[in-house]
Amino acid sequence: MRPEPSHIIILLVIIILLFGASKLPSLARNLGKSAKIFRDEVKSMNDDSNETPAELESSRSEDATDKAARSHVDSTQSVRDTDK
């Protein structure tokens, strides 16, 4: 069953009544951002699945190094915050 133009118009009227015309732009913007994030994550997962095991291991070790460096920066920042 294919949606007819009258069905689409009825749906738009219901949506406007439920959410209000002032909130529709922000809803559409948030929906667009969510769709972009979803596409980026799916693309990232597909790229990861195409890597060889050696490439996966090297990226994991780089991630661990980055995580250790960030935790060190976080701990030094918290020490500075407690000194104030």
Protein backbone atom coordinates (compact mmCIF):
# COMPACT_ATOMS: atom_id res chain seq x y z
CA MET A 1 0.00 0.00 0.00
CA ARG A 2 1.45 3.29 -1.08
CA PRO A 3 0.76 6.45 0.99
CA GLU A 4 -1.44 8.86 -0.89
CA PRO A 5 -1.06 12.66 -0.68
CA SER A 6 -4.20 12.90 1.46
CA HIS A 7 -2.67 10.50 4.01
CA ILE A 8 0.49 12.59 4.18
CA ILE A 9 -1.50 15.80 4.69
CA ILE A 10 -3.53 14.21 7.48
CA LEU A 11 -0.33 13.00 9.19
CA LEU A 12 1.23 16.47 8.95
CA VAL A 13 -1.87 18.07 10.50
CA ILE A 14 -1.82 15.56 13.36
CA ILE A 15 1.89 16.15 13.96
CA ILE A 16 1.38 19.92 14.05
CA LEU A 17 -1.49 19.53 16.49
CA LEU A 18 0.50 17.22 18.77
CA PHE A 19 3.82 19.06 18.87
CA GLY A 20 2.92 22.62 17.90
CA ALA A 21 4.37 24.55 15.01
CA SER A 22 7.03 26.22 17.16
CA LYS A 23 8.66 22.90 18.14
CA LEU A 24 8.72 21.32 14.68
CA PRO A 25 11.99 22.96 13.50
CA SER A 26 13.87 21.78 16.60
CA LEU A 27 12.38 18.28 16.28
CA ALA A 28 13.44 18.11 12.63
CA ARG A 29 16.93 19.41 13.48
CA ASN A 30 17.39 16.84 16.24
CA LEU A 31 16.09 14.07 14.00
CA GLY A 32 18.59 15.10 11.32
CA LYS A 33 21.47 15.13 13.80
CA SER A 34 20.48 11.70 15.09
CA ALA A 35 20.30 10.30 11.56
CA LYS A 36 23.76 11.72 10.76
CA ILE A 37 25.27 10.20 13.91
CA PHE A 38 23.63 6.86 13.12
CA ARG A 39 25.01 6.88 9.53
CA ASP A 40 28.49 7.79 10.79
CA GLU A 41 28.44 4.96 13.34
CA VAL A 42 27.22 2.41 10.77
CA LYS A 43 29.96 3.54 8.37
CA SER A 44 32.52 3.28 11.17
CA MET A 45 31.36 -0.24 12.01
CA ASN A 46 31.59 -1.26 8.35
CA ASP A 47 35.08 0.22 8.10
CA ASP A 48 36.12 -1.66 11.25
CA SER A 49 34.81 -4.94 9.87
CA ASN A 50 36.97 -4.52 6.76
CA GLU A 51 40.22 -4.24 8.76
CA THR A 52 42.61 -7.15 9.12
CA PRO A 53 43.29 -8.59 12.59
CA ALA A 54 46.72 -6.89 12.66
CA GLU A 55 45.14 -3.51 11.95
CA LEU A 56 42.54 -4.09 14.67
CA GLU A 57 45.24 -4.93 17.21
CA SER A 58 47.26 -1.80 16.40
CA SER A 59 44.18 0.44 16.67
CA ARG A 60 43.30 -1.14 20.03
CA SER A 61 46.77 -0.47 21.39
CA GLU A 62 46.56 3.15 20.17
CA ASP A 63 43.17 3.51 21.88
CA ALA A 64 44.61 2.13 25.13
CA THR A 65 47.51 4.61 24.96
CA ASP A 66 45.12 7.51 24.34
CA LYS A 67 42.88 6.39 27.21
CA ALA A 68 45.85 6.17 29.60
CA ALA A 69 46.99 9.65 28.60
CA ARG A 70 43.50 11.09 29.11
CA SER A 71 43.16 9.48 32.55
CA HIS A 72 46.52 10.97 33.55
CA VAL A 73 45.38 14.42 32.42
CA ASP A 74 42.07 13.97 34.27
CA SER A 75 43.82 12.95 37.49
CA THR A 76 46.20 15.93 37.38
CA GLN A 77 43.25 18.24 36.70
CA SER A 78 41.35 16.87 39.71
CA VAL A 79 44.43 17.37 41.89
CA ARG A 80 44.61 21.00 40.80
CA ASP A 81 40.89 21.45 41.48
CA THR A 82 41.24 20.13 45.04
CA ASP A 83 44.20 22.44 45.70
CA LYS A 84 42.06 25.54 45.09
